[in-house]
Amino acid sequence: MASEFPGCILCRRFCSAGPSIYVQGCRICQDCEKKIVSVTVDDPAYEIYVEKLKEIWSQAG
């Protein structure tokens, strides 16, 4: 299932033509990718990213 939104599924900002990653057809911008890989479990943003990624995976099926 591909996202019809041309921007980042997490931050909802438009993604430039630069590299992005796709999870279940949903685009994640470089900024969000960097935040995801560097966030620690004690960071308040951790749960936000977990919930948003769960939403992406739940769309798949």
N, C-alpha and C. Protein backbone atom coordinates (compact mmCIF):
# COMPACT_ATOMS: atom_id res chain seq x y z
N MET A 1 0.85 -1.19 0.00
CA MET A 1 0.00 0.00 0.00
C MET A 1 0.89 1.24 0.00
N ALA A 2 0.87 2.00 -1.01
CA ALA A 2 1.69 3.20 -1.12
C ALA A 2 0.92 4.40 -0.59
N SER A 3 1.66 5.27 0.04
CA SER A 3 1.07 6.49 0.55
C SER A 3 0.82 7.46 -0.61
N GLU A 4 -0.31 8.13 -0.61
CA GLU A 4 -0.58 9.12 -1.65
C GLU A 4 -0.03 10.48 -1.27
N PHE A 5 0.41 10.63 -0.03
CA PHE A 5 0.99 11.88 0.44
C PHE A 5 2.45 11.92 -0.01
N PRO A 6 2.87 12.97 -0.75
CA PRO A 6 4.23 13.01 -1.28
C PRO A 6 5.30 13.34 -0.25
N GLY A 7 4.88 13.71 0.94
CA GLY A 7 5.84 14.09 1.96
C GLY A 7 6.10 12.98 2.96
N CYS A 8 6.80 13.34 4.00
CA CYS A 8 7.16 12.40 5.05
C CYS A 8 5.91 12.03 5.85
N ILE A 9 5.70 10.74 6.04
CA ILE A 9 4.54 10.25 6.76
C ILE A 9 4.62 10.58 8.25
N LEU A 10 5.82 10.85 8.76
CA LEU A 10 5.99 11.13 10.18
C LEU A 10 5.85 12.62 10.51
N CYS A 11 6.61 13.46 9.83
CA CYS A 11 6.59 14.90 10.15
C CYS A 11 5.61 15.68 9.26
N ARG A 12 5.10 15.01 8.20
CA ARG A 12 4.13 15.60 7.26
C ARG A 12 4.69 16.76 6.44
N ARG A 13 6.00 16.91 6.42
CA ARG A 13 6.61 17.95 5.58
C ARG A 13 6.88 17.38 4.20
N PHE A 14 6.89 18.25 3.20
CA PHE A 14 7.20 17.83 1.84
C PHE A 14 8.65 17.40 1.78
N CYS A 15 8.92 16.28 1.14
CA CYS A 15 10.28 15.77 0.99
C CYS A 15 10.86 16.27 -0.32
N SER A 16 12.08 16.73 -0.25
CA SER A 16 12.75 17.14 -1.48
C SER A 16 13.07 15.90 -2.29
N ALA A 17 13.66 16.08 -3.43
CA ALA A 17 13.97 14.96 -4.31
C ALA A 17 15.11 14.11 -3.76
N GLY A 18 15.69 14.50 -2.64
CA GLY A 18 16.79 13.75 -2.05
C GLY A 18 16.37 12.37 -1.58
N PRO A 19 17.34 11.62 -1.09
CA PRO A 19 17.05 10.25 -0.67
C PRO A 19 16.11 10.18 0.53
N SER A 20 15.26 9.22 0.50
CA SER A 20 14.32 8.95 1.59
C SER A 20 14.25 7.44 1.73
N ILE A 21 13.69 6.99 2.82
CA ILE A 21 13.42 5.56 2.95
C ILE A 21 11.91 5.36 2.88
N TYR A 22 11.53 4.17 2.53
CA TYR A 22 10.11 3.83 2.43
C TYR A 22 9.84 2.63 3.32
N VAL A 23 8.79 2.73 4.11
CA VAL A 23 8.33 1.63 4.95
C VAL A 23 6.89 1.38 4.56
N GLN A 24 6.61 0.19 4.07
CA GLN A 24 5.26 -0.17 3.64
C GLN A 24 4.71 0.85 2.63
N GLY A 25 5.58 1.39 1.79
CA GLY A 25 5.17 2.35 0.78
C GLY A 25 5.04 3.77 1.27
N CYS A 26 5.33 4.01 2.54
CA CYS A 26 5.25 5.35 3.13
C CYS A 26 6.64 5.96 3.22
N ARG A 27 6.75 7.19 2.77
CA ARG A 27 8.03 7.86 2.72
C ARG A 27 8.41 8.44 4.08
N ILE A 28 9.68 8.29 4.45
CA ILE A 28 10.22 8.89 5.67
C ILE A 28 11.44 9.71 5.26
N CYS A 29 11.42 10.99 5.59
CA CYS A 29 12.50 11.90 5.18
C CYS A 29 13.79 11.61 5.95
N GLN A 30 14.88 12.16 5.46
CA GLN A 30 16.18 11.95 6.09
C GLN A 30 16.21 12.48 7.52
N ASP A 31 15.57 13.61 7.76
CA ASP A 31 15.57 14.17 9.12
C ASP A 31 14.90 13.22 10.10
N CYS A 32 13.75 12.69 9.73
CA CYS A 32 13.04 11.76 10.62
C CYS A 32 13.81 10.45 10.75
N GLU A 33 14.41 9.99 9.68
CA GLU A 33 15.22 8.77 9.74
C GLU A 33 16.35 8.95 10.76
N LYS A 34 17.03 10.08 10.71
CA LYS A 34 18.13 10.35 11.65
C LYS A 34 17.61 10.38 13.09
N LYS A 35 16.45 10.99 13.28
CA LYS A 35 15.88 11.05 14.63
C LYS A 35 15.50 9.66 15.13
N ILE A 36 14.92 8.85 14.26
CA ILE A 36 14.50 7.51 14.66
C ILE A 36 15.70 6.66 15.10
N VAL A 37 16.77 6.71 14.34
CA VAL A 37 17.92 5.86 14.66
C VAL A 37 18.72 6.37 15.85
N SER A 38 18.53 7.63 16.23
CA SER A 38 19.31 8.17 17.34
C SER A 38 18.50 8.36 18.63
N VAL A 39 17.19 8.21 18.58
CA VAL A 39 16.36 8.43 19.76
C VAL A 39 16.60 7.31 20.78
N THR A 40 16.61 7.67 22.04
CA THR A 40 16.79 6.68 23.10
C THR A 40 15.43 6.41 23.75
N VAL A 41 15.32 5.28 24.44
CA VAL A 41 14.04 4.90 25.02
C VAL A 41 13.58 5.85 26.12
N ASP A 42 14.49 6.60 26.71
CA ASP A 42 14.08 7.54 27.76
C ASP A 42 13.70 8.92 27.20
N ASP A 43 13.83 9.09 25.90
CA ASP A 43 13.45 10.34 25.24
C ASP A 43 11.93 10.35 25.06
N PRO A 44 11.27 11.46 25.40
CA PRO A 44 9.81 11.53 25.22
C PRO A 44 9.36 11.29 23.77
N ALA A 45 10.19 11.60 22.81
CA ALA A 45 9.85 11.41 21.40
C ALA A 45 9.84 9.93 21.01
N TYR A 46 10.47 9.09 21.79
CA TYR A 46 10.55 7.66 21.47
C TYR A 46 9.16 7.05 21.28
N GLU A 47 8.28 7.28 22.22
CA GLU A 47 6.92 6.72 22.13
C GLU A 47 6.15 7.26 20.93
N ILE A 48 6.39 8.50 20.59
CA ILE A 48 5.73 9.09 19.41
C ILE A 48 6.16 8.35 18.15
N TYR A 49 7.46 8.12 18.00
CA TYR A 49 7.95 7.39 16.83
C TYR A 49 7.43 5.96 16.81
N VAL A 50 7.40 5.31 17.95
CA VAL A 50 6.89 3.94 18.03
C VAL A 50 5.44 3.90 17.56
N GLU A 51 4.63 4.80 18.06
CA GLU A 51 3.21 4.82 17.68
C GLU A 51 3.02 5.12 16.20
N LYS A 52 3.78 6.07 15.67
CA LYS A 52 3.65 6.40 14.24
C LYS A 52 4.08 5.23 13.37
N LEU A 53 5.14 4.54 13.76
CA LEU A 53 5.58 3.38 12.97
C LEU A 53 4.59 2.24 13.08
N LYS A 54 3.95 2.07 14.23
CA LYS A 54 2.90 1.07 14.37
C LYS A 54 1.75 1.36 13.41
N GLU A 55 1.40 2.63 13.27
CA GLU A 55 0.33 3.02 12.34
C GLU A 55 0.68 2.63 10.91
N ILE A 56 1.94 2.85 10.52
CA ILE A 56 2.38 2.49 9.18
C ILE A 56 2.24 1.00 8.98
N TRP A 57 2.72 0.21 9.93
CA TRP A 57 2.66 -1.24 9.81
C TRP A 57 1.23 -1.75 9.84
N SER A 58 0.36 -1.12 10.60
CA SER A 58 -1.02 -1.59 10.68
C SER A 58 -1.79 -1.34 9.38
N GLN A 59 -1.36 -0.37 8.60
CA GLN A 59 -1.98 -0.09 7.31
C GLN A 59 -1.76 -1.23 6.32
N ALA A 60 -0.72 -2.02 6.58
CA ALA A 60 -0.33 -3.06 5.64
C ALA A 60 -1.27 -4.26 5.66
N GLY A 61 -1.98 -4.42 6.72
CA GLY A 61 -2.80 -5.58 6.61
C GLY A 61 -3.50 -5.96 7.82
